[in-house]
C-alpha atoms as a PDB file:
ATOM      1  CA  MET A   1      26.787  63.092-206.278  1.00  0.00           C
ATOM      2  CA  SER A   2      26.714  65.022-209.520  1.00  0.00           C
ATOM      3  CA  ARG A   3      25.563  63.514-212.745  1.00  0.00           C
ATOM      4  CA  ASN A   4      28.226  62.050-214.960  1.00  0.00           C
ATOM      5  CA  LYS A   5      28.705  64.880-217.451  1.00  0.00           C
ATOM      6  CA  GLY A   6      31.711  63.167-218.959  1.00  0.00           C
ATOM      7  CA  THR A   7      29.695  60.075-219.849  1.00  0.00           C
ATOM      8  CA  ILE A   8      26.987  62.208-221.428  1.00  0.00           C
ATOM      9  CA  LYS A   9      29.522  64.051-223.592  1.00  0.00           C
ATOM     10  CA  LEU A  10      31.211  60.800-224.563  1.00  0.00           C
ATOM     11  CA  ILE A  11      27.914  59.341-225.789  1.00  0.00           C
ATOM     12  CA  GLU A  12      26.861  62.560-227.485  1.00  0.00           C
ATOM     13  CA  PHE A  13      30.020  62.838-229.608  1.00  0.00           C
ATOM     14  CA  GLN A  14      29.956  59.272-230.926  1.00  0.00           C
ATOM     15  CA  LYS A  15      29.668  59.217-234.730  1.00  0.00           C
ATOM     16  CA  ASN A  16      28.516  55.633-235.237  1.00  0.00           C
ATOM     17  CA  LEU A  17      27.224  54.291-231.921  1.00  0.00           C
ATOM     18  CA  LYS A  18      25.904  50.757-232.400  1.00  0.00           C
ATOM     19  CA  TYR A  19      26.085  49.145-228.964  1.00  0.00           C
ATOM     20  CA  PHE A  20      25.086  50.546-225.575  1.00  0.00           C
ATOM     21  CA  LYS A  21      25.110  48.695-222.265  1.00  0.00           C
ATOM     22  CA  TRP A  22      24.108  50.052-218.862  1.00  0.00           C
ATOM     23  CA  VAL A  23      24.501  48.080-215.623  1.00  0.00           C
ATOM     24  CA  ASP A  24      23.599  49.418-212.173  1.00  0.00           C
ATOM     25  CA  GLU A  25      26.173  48.380-209.584  1.00  0.00           C
ATOM     26  CA  PHE A  26      25.131  50.167-206.412  1.00  0.00           C
ATOM     27  CA  LYS A  27      26.673  48.445-203.406  1.00  0.00           C
ATOM     28  CA  GLU A  28      23.976  49.720-201.064  1.00  0.00           C
ATOM     29  CA  ASP A  29      20.396  50.779-201.805  1.00  0.00           C
ATOM     30  CA  TYR A  30      20.773  54.075-199.952  1.00  0.00           C
ATOM     31  CA  TYR A  31      23.213  55.293-202.618  1.00  0.00           C
ATOM     32  CA  TRP A  32      20.206  55.772-204.885  1.00  0.00           C
ATOM     33  CA  GLU A  33      18.990  58.578-202.658  1.00  0.00           C
ATOM     34  CA  LEU A  34      22.320  60.388-203.016  1.00  0.00           C
ATOM     35  CA  LEU A  35      22.225  60.406-206.795  1.00  0.00           C
ATOM     36  CA  GLU A  36      20.723  63.324-208.683  1.00  0.00           C
ATOM     37  CA  ASP A  37      18.956  61.168-211.290  1.00  0.00           C
ATOM     38  CA  PRO A  38      21.857  59.384-213.042  1.00  0.00           C
ATOM     39  CA  TYR A  39      19.665  58.227-215.916  1.00  0.00           C
ATOM     40  CA  THR A  40      17.538  60.840-217.683  1.00  0.00           C
ATOM     41  CA  GLU A  41      20.204  62.930-219.417  1.00  0.00           C
ATOM     42  CA  ILE A  42      22.148  59.880-220.575  1.00  0.00           C
ATOM     43  CA  PHE A  43      19.105  58.144-222.019  1.00  0.00           C
ATOM     44  CA  ASN A  44      17.902  61.364-223.633  1.00  0.00           C
ATOM     45  CA  VAL A  45      21.169  61.726-225.536  1.00  0.00           C
ATOM     46  CA  LEU A  46      20.890  58.125-226.719  1.00  0.00           C
ATOM     47  CA  LYS A  47      17.854  59.135-228.779  1.00  0.00           C
ATOM     48  CA  LYS A  48      20.206  61.076-231.067  1.00  0.00           C
ATOM     49  CA  HIS A  49      21.779  57.757-232.070  1.00  0.00           C
ATOM     50  CA  ALA A  50      18.531  56.046-233.065  1.00  0.00           C
ATOM     51  CA  ASN A  51      19.724  55.638-236.667  1.00  0.00           C
ATOM     52  CA  THR A  52      22.839  53.642-235.745  1.00  0.00           C
ATOM     53  CA  LEU A  53      22.125  52.044-232.357  1.00  0.00           C
ATOM     54  CA  ASN A  54      21.230  48.387-232.891  1.00  0.00           C
ATOM     55  CA  HIS A  55      22.173  46.675-229.605  1.00  0.00           C
ATOM     56  CA  PHE A  56      20.598  47.961-226.379  1.00  0.00           C
ATOM     57  CA  ASP A  57      21.447  46.120-223.127  1.00  0.00           C
ATOM     58  CA  ILE A  58      20.023  47.503-219.865  1.00  0.00           C
ATOM     59  CA  ASN A  59      20.283  46.077-216.347  1.00  0.00           C
ATOM     60  CA  LEU A  60      18.736  48.303-213.689  1.00  0.00           C
ATOM     61  CA  GLN A  61      18.909  47.597-209.989  1.00  0.00           C
ATOM     62  CA  PHE A  62      15.493  47.462-208.316  1.00  0.00           C
ATOM     63  CA  ASP A  63      13.600  45.992-205.392  1.00  0.00           C
ATOM     64  CA  ASP A  64      11.022  43.377-206.410  1.00  0.00           C
ATOM     65  CA  GLU A  65       8.587  44.564-203.750  1.00  0.00           C
ATOM     66  CA  PHE A  66       8.711  48.239-204.672  1.00  0.00           C
ATOM     67  CA  PHE A  67       9.379  48.286-208.420  1.00  0.00           C
ATOM     68  CA  ASN A  68       6.079  50.061-209.136  1.00  0.00           C
ATOM     69  CA  GLU A  69       7.227  53.030-207.048  1.00  0.00           C
ATOM     70  CA  TYR A  70      10.105  53.784-209.412  1.00  0.00           C
ATOM     71  CA  ASP A  71       9.859  56.153-212.343  1.00  0.00           C
ATOM     72  CA  TYR A  72      11.103  54.447-215.510  1.00  0.00           C
ATOM     73  CA  SER A  73       9.804  57.059-217.927  1.00  0.00           C
ATOM     74  CA  PHE A  74      13.392  57.985-218.915  1.00  0.00           C
ATOM     75  CA  LEU A  75      13.935  54.476-220.272  1.00  0.00           C
ATOM     76  CA  GLN A  76      10.468  54.119-221.762  1.00  0.00           C
ATOM     77  CA  ASP A  77      10.839  57.391-223.672  1.00  0.00           C
ATOM     78  CA  ALA A  78      14.253  56.412-225.027  1.00  0.00           C
ATOM     79  CA  PHE A  79      13.131  52.918-225.947  1.00  0.00           C
ATOM     80  CA  LEU A  80      10.189  54.209-227.971  1.00  0.00           C
ATOM     81  CA  GLU A  81      12.562  56.120-230.251  1.00  0.00           C
ATOM     82  CA  LEU A  82      15.160  53.384-230.793  1.00  0.00           C
ATOM     83  CA  TYR A  83      13.425  51.944-233.822  1.00  0.00           C
ATOM     84  CA  ASN A  84      16.540  50.454-235.460  1.00  0.00           C
ATOM     85  CA  LEU A  85      17.375  47.900-232.774  1.00  0.00           C
ATOM     86  CA  LYS A  86      18.448  44.389-233.696  1.00  0.00           C
ATOM     87  CA  ILE A  87      19.166  43.154-230.171  1.00  0.00           C
ATOM     88  CA  LEU A  88      17.259  44.280-227.084  1.00  0.00           C
ATOM     89  CA  GLU A  89      18.113  42.974-223.615  1.00  0.00           C
ATOM     90  CA  ILE A  90      16.384  44.511-220.606  1.00  0.00           C
ATOM     91  CA  GLU A  91      16.441  43.456-216.972  1.00  0.00           C
ATOM     92  CA  ALA A  92      14.206  46.059-215.378  1.00  0.00           C
ATOM     93  CA  PRO A  93      10.452  46.230-214.709  1.00  0.00           C
ATOM     94  CA  ILE A  94       9.797  49.045-217.180  1.00  0.00           C
ATOM     95  CA  PHE A  95       7.104  47.031-218.949  1.00  0.00           C
ATOM     96  CA  LEU A  96       5.119  46.099-215.848  1.00  0.00           C
ATOM     97  CA  ASN A  97       3.511  49.466-215.264  1.00  0.00           C
ATOM     98  CA  ASN A  98       1.036  48.977-218.068  1.00  0.00           C
ATOM     99  CA  ASP A  99      -0.115  52.565-218.228  1.00  0.00           C
ATOM    100  CA  ASP A 100      -2.246  53.586-221.176  1.00  0.00           C
ATOM    101  CA  TYR A 101       0.254  56.101-222.545  1.00  0.00           C
ATOM    102  CA  PHE A 102       3.199  53.721-222.843  1.00  0.00           C
ATOM    103  CA  SER A 103       1.057  50.916-224.271  1.00  0.00           C
ATOM    104  CA  LYS A 104      -0.519  53.184-226.881  1.00  0.00           C
ATOM    105  CA  GLU A 105       2.905  54.459-227.901  1.00  0.00           C
ATOM    106  CA  LEU A 106       4.174  50.886-228.265  1.00  0.00           C
ATOM    107  CA  GLU A 107       1.284  50.159-230.605  1.00  0.00           C
ATOM    108  CA  MET A 108       2.634  52.763-233.030  1.00  0.00           C
ATOM    109  CA  VAL A 109       6.326  51.777-232.975  1.00  0.00           C
ATOM    110  CA  ALA A 110       7.656  49.206-235.441  1.00  0.00           C
ATOM    111  CA  TYR A 111      10.879  47.368-234.604  1.00  0.00           C
ATOM    112  CA  ARG A 112      11.331  45.946-238.082  1.00  0.00           C
ATOM    113  CA  ASN A 113      14.988  44.971-237.638  1.00  0.00           C
ATOM    114  CA  LEU A 114      14.612  43.295-234.251  1.00  0.00           C
ATOM    115  CA  GLU A 115      16.238  39.849-234.182  1.00  0.00           C
ATOM    116  CA  ILE A 116      16.752  39.096-230.484  1.00  0.00           C
ATOM    117  CA  LEU A 117      14.432  40.197-227.677  1.00  0.00           C
ATOM    118  CA  GLU A 118      15.410  39.152-224.156  1.00  0.00           C
ATOM    119  CA  ILE A 119      13.440  40.651-221.267  1.00  0.00           C
ATOM    120  CA  ASP A 120      13.165  39.596-217.645  1.00  0.00           C
ATOM    121  CA  PHE A 121       9.583  40.757-217.018  1.00  0.00           C
ATOM    122  CA  ILE A 122       7.039  42.080-219.497  1.00  0.00           C
ATOM    123  CA  ASP A 123       3.300  42.495-219.879  1.00  0.00           C
ATOM    124  CA  ILE A 124       2.018  40.107-222.541  1.00  0.00           C
ATOM    125  CA  TYR A 125       0.060  42.844-224.317  1.00  0.00           C
ATOM    126  CA  GLN A 126       3.164  44.995-224.616  1.00  0.00           C
ATOM    127  CA  VAL A 127       5.418  42.257-225.973  1.00  0.00           C
ATOM    128  CA  ASN A 128       2.724  41.529-228.534  1.00  0.00           C
ATOM    129  CA  CYS A 129       2.898  45.167-229.664  1.00  0.00           C
ATOM    130  CA  MET A 130       6.676  44.944-229.963  1.00  0.00           C
ATOM    131  CA  VAL A 131       6.929  41.809-232.097  1.00  0.00           C
ATOM    132  CA  LYS A 132       3.932  42.220-234.396  1.00  0.00           C
ATOM    133  CA  ASN A 133       6.090  43.959-237.029  1.00  0.00           C
ATOM    134  CA  SER A 134       9.346  42.159-236.240  1.00  0.00           C
ATOM    135  CA  LEU A 135       9.544  39.850-239.237  1.00  0.00           C
ATOM    136  CA  CYS A 136      13.264  39.215-238.600  1.00  0.00           C
ATOM    137  CA  LEU A 137      12.782  38.012-235.013  1.00  0.00           C
ATOM    138  CA  ARG A 138      14.861  34.902-234.268  1.00  0.00           C
ATOM    139  CA  GLU A 139      14.892  34.780-230.467  1.00  0.00           C
ATOM    140  CA  LEU A 140      12.189  35.738-227.984  1.00  0.00           C
ATOM    141  CA  ARG A 141      13.353  35.007-224.449  1.00  0.00           C
ATOM    142  CA  ILE A 142      10.989  36.047-221.652  1.00  0.00           C
ATOM    143  CA  ASN A 143      11.629  35.020-218.060  1.00  0.00           C
ATOM    144  CA  ASP A 144       8.188  35.983-216.794  1.00  0.00           C
ATOM    145  CA  PHE A 145       4.994  37.191-218.476  1.00  0.00           C
ATOM    146  CA  HIS A 146       2.587  39.506-216.691  1.00  0.00           C
ATOM    147  CA  TRP A 147      -1.014  40.066-217.689  1.00  0.00           C
ATOM    148  CA  ASN A 148      -4.392  41.416-216.739  1.00  0.00           C
ATOM    149  CA  TYR A 149      -6.279  38.331-215.557  1.00  0.00           C
ATOM    150  CA  ASP A 150      -9.534  39.585-217.034  1.00  0.00           C
ATOM    151  CA  ASN A 151      -7.906  39.894-220.465  1.00  0.00           C
ATOM    152  CA  PHE A 152      -5.592  36.881-220.328  1.00  0.00           C
ATOM    153  CA  TYR A 153      -7.478  34.752-222.839  1.00  0.00           C
ATOM    154  CA  ASN A 154      -7.623  37.458-225.517  1.00  0.00           C
ATOM    155  CA  ASP A 155      -4.100  38.737-224.875  1.00  0.00           C
ATOM    156  CA  SER A 156      -2.521  35.279-224.955  1.00  0.00           C
ATOM    157  CA  LEU A 157      -4.511  34.288-228.051  1.00  0.00           C
ATOM    158  CA  ASN A 158      -3.455  37.476-229.850  1.00  0.00           C
ATOM    159  CA  PHE A 159       0.146  36.812-228.869  1.00  0.00           C
ATOM    160  CA  ILE A 160       0.067  33.277-230.306  1.00  0.00           C
ATOM    161  CA  ARG A 161      -1.494  34.620-233.501  1.00  0.00           C
ATOM    162  CA  THR A 162       1.116  37.366-233.781  1.00  0.00           C
ATOM    163  CA  ILE A 163       3.953  34.849-233.598  1.00  0.00           C
ATOM    164  CA  CYS A 164       2.166  32.551-236.032  1.00  0.00           C
ATOM    165  CA  GLU A 165       1.516  35.254-238.621  1.00  0.00           C
ATOM    166  CA  ASN A 166       4.705  37.314-238.391  1.00  0.00           C
ATOM    167  CA  CYS A 167       7.634  35.456-236.851  1.00  0.00           C
ATOM    168  CA  PHE A 168       8.428  32.744-239.388  1.00  0.00           C
ATOM    169  CA  LEU A 169      12.171  32.918-238.661  1.00  0.00           C
ATOM    170  CA  ILE A 170      11.832  32.368-234.906  1.00  0.00           C
ATOM    171  CA  GLU A 171      14.306  29.835-233.473  1.00  0.00           C
ATOM    172  CA  HIS A 172      14.042  30.354-229.711  1.00  0.00           C
ATOM    173  CA  LEU A 173      10.508  31.024-228.476  1.00  0.00           C
ATOM    174  CA  THR A 174       8.957  31.622-225.064  1.00  0.00           C
ATOM    175  CA  VAL A 175       5.159  31.549-224.911  1.00  0.00           C
ATOM    176  CA  PRO A 176       2.703  31.316-222.023  1.00  0.00           C
ATOM    177  CA  MET A 177       1.044  27.941-221.643  1.00  0.00           C
ATOM    178  CA  PHE A 178      -1.807  27.675-224.156  1.00  0.00           C
ATOM    179  CA  LEU A 179      -5.389  27.191-222.969  1.00  0.00           C
ATOM    180  CA  GLU A 180      -7.606  24.274-223.990  1.00  0.00           C
ATOM    181  CA  ASN A 181      -9.608  26.391-226.431  1.00  0.00           C
ATOM    182  CA  GLN A 182      -6.377  27.651-228.059  1.00  0.00           C
ATOM    183  CA  PHE A 183      -5.234  24.259-229.378  1.00  0.00           C
ATOM    184  CA  ILE A 184      -5.951  25.116-233.016  1.00  0.00           C
ATOM    185  CA  GLU A 185      -4.025  28.403-232.894  1.00  0.00           C
ATOM    186  CA  PHE A 186      -1.070  26.798-231.120  1.00  0.00           C
ATOM    187  CA  GLU A 187      -0.919  24.087-233.773  1.00  0.00           C
ATOM    188  CA  LYS A 188      -0.850  26.766-236.482  1.00  0.00           C
ATOM    189  CA  LEU A 189       2.062  28.428-234.690  1.00  0.00           C
ATOM    190  CA  LEU A 190       4.096  25.218-234.673  1.00  0.00           C
ATOM    191  CA  LYS A 191       3.258  24.559-238.304  1.00  0.00           C
ATOM    192  CA  ASN A 192       4.316  28.037-239.457  1.00  0.00           C
ATOM    193  CA  CYS A 193       7.479  28.322-237.347  1.00  0.00           C
ATOM    194  CA  GLN A 194       9.601  25.642-238.978  1.00  0.00           C
ATOM    195  CA  ASN A 195      12.931  27.163-237.876  1.00  0.00           C
ATOM    196  CA  LEU A 196      12.023  26.591-234.230  1.00  0.00           C
ATOM    197  CA  ARG A 197      14.854  25.028-232.211  1.00  0.00           C
ATOM    198  CA  LEU A 198      13.787  25.815-228.640  1.00  0.00           C
ATOM    199  CA  LEU A 199      10.220  25.986-227.331  1.00  0.00           C
ATOM    200  CA  TYR A 200       9.712  27.181-223.762  1.00  0.00           C
ATOM    201  CA  LEU A 201       6.139  26.943-222.483  1.00  0.00           C
ATOM    202  CA  LYS A 202       5.714  29.126-219.403  1.00  0.00           C
ATOM    203  CA  HIS A 203       3.534  28.111-216.482  1.00  0.00           C
ATOM    204  CA  THR A 204       0.410  30.207-215.922  1.00  0.00           C
ATOM    205  CA  THR A 205      -1.955  30.268-212.969  1.00  0.00           C
ATOM    206  CA  ASN A 206      -4.894  30.855-215.315  1.00  0.00           C
ATOM    207  CA  ILE A 207      -5.139  27.157-216.129  1.00  0.00           C
ATOM    208  CA  LYS A 208      -7.261  25.009-213.838  1.00  0.00           C
ATOM    209  CA  GLY A 209      -5.631  21.874-212.477  1.00  0.00           C
ATOM    210  CA  GLY A 210      -6.772  18.364-213.268  1.00  0.00           C
ATOM    211  CA  ASN A 211      -6.185  18.337-217.037  1.00  0.00           C
ATOM    212  CA  GLU A 212      -2.407  17.998-217.078  1.00  0.00           C
ATOM    213  CA  LEU A 213      -2.411  14.544-218.700  1.00  0.00           C
ATOM    214  CA  GLU A 214      -4.887  15.644-221.371  1.00  0.00           C
ATOM    215  CA  PHE A 215      -2.604  18.565-222.217  1.00  0.00           C
ATOM    216  CA  GLY A 216       0.286  16.093-222.404  1.00  0.00           C
ATOM    217  CA  ASP A 217      -1.599  13.909-224.888  1.00  0.00           C
ATOM    218  CA  TYR A 218      -2.404  16.925-227.037  1.00  0.00           C
ATOM    219  CA  LEU A 219       1.133  18.328-226.997  1.00  0.00           C
ATOM    220  CA  SER A 220       2.665  14.961-227.842  1.00  0.00           C
ATOM    221  CA  ASN A 221       0.348  14.505-230.811  1.00  0.00           C
ATOM    222  CA  VAL A 222       0.745  18.014-232.186  1.00  0.00           C
ATOM    223  CA  LEU A 223       4.549  17.920-231.899  1.00  0.00           C
ATOM    224  CA  ILE A 224       4.691  14.696-233.894  1.00  0.00           C
ATOM    225  CA  LYS A 225       2.216  16.075-236.413  1.00  0.00           C
ATOM    226  CA  VAL A 226       3.564  19.545-237.221  1.00  0.00           C
ATOM    227  CA  ALA A 227       6.633  20.496-235.141  1.00  0.00           C
ATOM    228  CA  SER A 228       9.802  21.621-236.871  1.00  0.00           C
ATOM    229  CA  THR A 229      12.399  18.944-237.541  1.00  0.00           C
ATOM    230  CA  ASN A 230      14.875  21.538-236.237  1.00  0.00           C
ATOM    231  CA  LEU A 231      13.392  21.334-232.718  1.00  0.00           C
ATOM    232  CA  ARG A 232      16.174  20.468-230.264  1.00  0.00           C
ATOM    233  CA  LYS A 233      14.917  21.603-226.873  1.00  0.00           C
ATOM    234  CA  LEU A 234      11.506  21.509-225.219  1.00  0.00           C
ATOM    235  CA  ILE A 235      10.738  22.962-221.782  1.00  0.00           C
ATOM    236  CA  ILE A 236       7.523  21.671-220.198  1.00  0.00           C
ATOM    237  CA  PRO A 237       5.697  23.589-217.426  1.00  0.00           C
ATOM    238  CA  PHE A 238       3.736  22.253-214.459  1.00  0.00           C
ATOM    239  CA  ASP A 239       0.535  22.541-216.496  1.00  0.00           C
ATOM    240  CA  ILE A 240       1.507  19.547-218.664  1.00  0.00           C
ATOM    241  CA  ARG A 241       2.172  15.942-217.710  1.00  0.00           C
ATOM    242  CA  PHE A 242       2.876  12.957-219.922  1.00  0.00           C
ATOM    243  CA  SER A 243       1.531   9.541-219.043  1.00  0.00           C
ATOM    244  CA  LEU A 244       3.924   6.640-219.465  1.00  0.00           C
ATOM    245  CA  LYS A 245       2.009   5.465-222.520  1.00  0.00           C
ATOM    246  CA  THR A 246       1.992   8.945-224.085  1.00  0.00           C
ATOM    247  CA  LEU A 247       5.743   9.348-223.617  1.00  0.00           C
ATOM    248  CA  GLU A 248       6.529   5.960-225.103  1.00  0.00           C
ATOM    249  CA  THR A 249       4.310   6.691-228.101  1.00  0.00           C
ATOM    250  CA  PHE A 250       6.006  10.063-228.526  1.00  0.00           C
ATOM    251  CA  PHE A 251       9.488   8.521-228.452  1.00  0.00           C
ATOM    252  CA  GLU A 252       8.509   5.840-230.949  1.00  0.00           C
ATOM    253  CA  LYS A 253       7.089   8.377-233.378  1.00  0.00           C
ATOM    254  CA  TRP A 254      10.092  10.670-232.951  1.00  0.00           C
ATOM    255  CA  LYS A 255      12.281   8.057-234.639  1.00  0.00           C
ATOM    256  CA  GLY A 256      14.309   9.393-237.534  1.00  0.00           C
ATOM    257  CA  ARG A 257      14.432  12.945-236.178  1.00  0.00           C
ATOM    258  CA  PRO A 258      17.411  14.688-234.564  1.00  0.00           C
ATOM    259  CA  ALA A 259      17.922  14.233-230.815  1.00  0.00           C
ATOM    260  CA  ILE A 260      15.725  16.366-228.581  1.00  0.00           C
ATOM    261  CA  SER A 261      16.360  17.553-225.026  1.00  0.00           C
ATOM    262  CA  ILE A 262      13.188  17.603-222.905  1.00  0.00           C
ATOM    263  CA  HIS A 263      13.113  19.452-219.581  1.00  0.00           C
ATOM    264  CA  PHE A 264      10.292  19.031-217.082  1.00  0.00           C
ATOM    265  CA  ASP A 265       9.528  21.640-214.425  1.00  0.00           C
ATOM    266  CA  ASP A 266       7.308  19.104-212.624  1.00  0.00           C
ATOM    267  CA  TYR A 267      10.163  16.656-212.164  1.00  0.00           C
ATOM    268  CA  TYR A 268       8.651  15.105-209.005  1.00  0.00           C
ATOM    269  CA  PHE A 269       5.865  13.588-211.114  1.00  0.00           C
ATOM    270  CA  TYR A 270       8.409  11.658-213.173  1.00  0.00           C
ATOM    271  CA  GLN A 271      10.275  10.441-210.091  1.00  0.00           C
ATOM    272  CA  LYS A 272       7.300   8.945-208.250  1.00  0.00           C
ATOM    273  CA  ASP A 273       8.470   5.479-209.308  1.00  0.00           C
ATOM    274  CA  ASP A 274      11.184   4.061-211.533  1.00  0.00           C
ATOM    275  CA  SER A 275       8.947   3.382-214.549  1.00  0.00           C
ATOM    276  CA  TYR A 276       9.673   6.752-216.171  1.00  0.00           C
ATOM    277  CA  VAL A 277      13.392   6.506-215.467  1.00  0.00           C
ATOM    278  CA  LYS A 278      13.504   3.073-217.094  1.00  0.00           C
ATOM    279  CA  LEU A 279      11.680   4.441-220.130  1.00  0.00           C
ATOM    280  CA  PHE A 280      14.068   7.386-220.419  1.00  0.00           C
ATOM    281  CA  ASP A 281      17.083   5.096-220.129  1.00  0.00           C
ATOM    282  CA  LYS A 282      15.669   2.722-222.725  1.00  0.00           C
ATOM    283  CA  TYR A 283      15.297   5.406-225.356  1.00  0.00           C
ATOM    284  CA  LYS A 284      18.600   7.047-224.588  1.00  0.00           C
ATOM    285  CA  VAL A 285      20.237   3.742-225.470  1.00  0.00           C
ATOM    286  CA  GLU A 286      18.011   2.790-228.389  1.00  0.00           C
ATOM    287  CA  LYS A 287      17.946   6.133-230.144  1.00  0.00           C
ATOM    288  CA  GLY A 288      21.488   7.317-229.469  1.00  0.00           C
ATOM    289  CA  LYS A 289      20.605  10.098-227.034  1.00  0.00           C
ATOM    290  CA  LEU A 290      17.125  10.701-228.354  1.00  0.00           C
ATOM    291  CA  ILE A 291      16.484  12.625-225.157  1.00  0.00           C
ATOM    292  CA  ASP A 292      18.810  14.225-222.659  1.00  0.00           C
ATOM    293  CA  ASN A 293      18.647  16.005-219.278  1.00  0.00           C
ATOM    294  CA  LEU A 294      15.099  14.819-218.783  1.00  0.00           C
ATOM    295  CA  ILE A 295      14.516  15.141-215.075  1.00  0.00           C
ATOM    296  CA  VAL A 296      15.601  18.682-214.381  1.00  0.00           C
ATOM    297  CA  LEU A 297      13.923  21.642-212.719  1.00  0.00           C
ATOM    298  CA  LEU A 298      14.990  24.716-214.655  1.00  0.00           C
ATOM    299  CA  ASN A 299      14.613  28.214-213.301  1.00  0.00           C
ATOM    300  CA  TYR A 300      16.883  29.777-215.914  1.00  0.00           C
ATOM    301  CA  PRO A 301      16.769  27.471-218.952  1.00  0.00           C
ATOM    302  CA  PHE A 302      18.654  29.748-221.338  1.00  0.00           C
END
């Protein structure tokens, strides 16, 4: 198959290109082998529209088991030059090959107009580079964070600090589950981000089991103490559990605030007997839907 010259010309001659979307729709994987690189020329010509392009939506077909064998340099190179983006949506593992060159280039790029960042998979160090200068960021939606296990503590701490110090307008936020010695920084984040409407804490294997209830006590207290009154949705990972007493205290102290929807990944814990269900039902009635959709396992919460 020849490359799509017509598509390249169409993109090249646009005078005010603001939105670009690419979706792979190969019916069979072997079609990839028949293509003479359908990407590079198209994404190279997109660089010429860096001044006007503000919405970039990419969905590349790939095999989860072999993603690191693919060459995504065409997309990485284009992305590094699209400095005027407001909305970035990428479903492709271009950020998982954390090579030194791409990471160092990301450190030097400032996406100052970025408002919405939605990525399926990304290395936590790289997303930190992307949002550190994004003072207009309103939505950060990450399905899965990747990290170097040896650097997880520093990378996750730097990420929390970056959000805390730069993303005051954030409304929808995905962050990896905080560690025990990051409580102070996480509290600062909640205190500074008073526009926050959705908080999604992602499960991480770096946290040792056995302290789930202690994390639940901490999170309950800090939410009551400093969380935004705009908070409407909270997604809790397996790393956190609320005791019956902690939940009841939380609901009592949440009085007077808008209704909040709480989603638990570890829904089996709250179904082990009917005590939690009775508590949920009690506060739904008393507070006029204080909580909603409580016992739900969410794989795609957005």
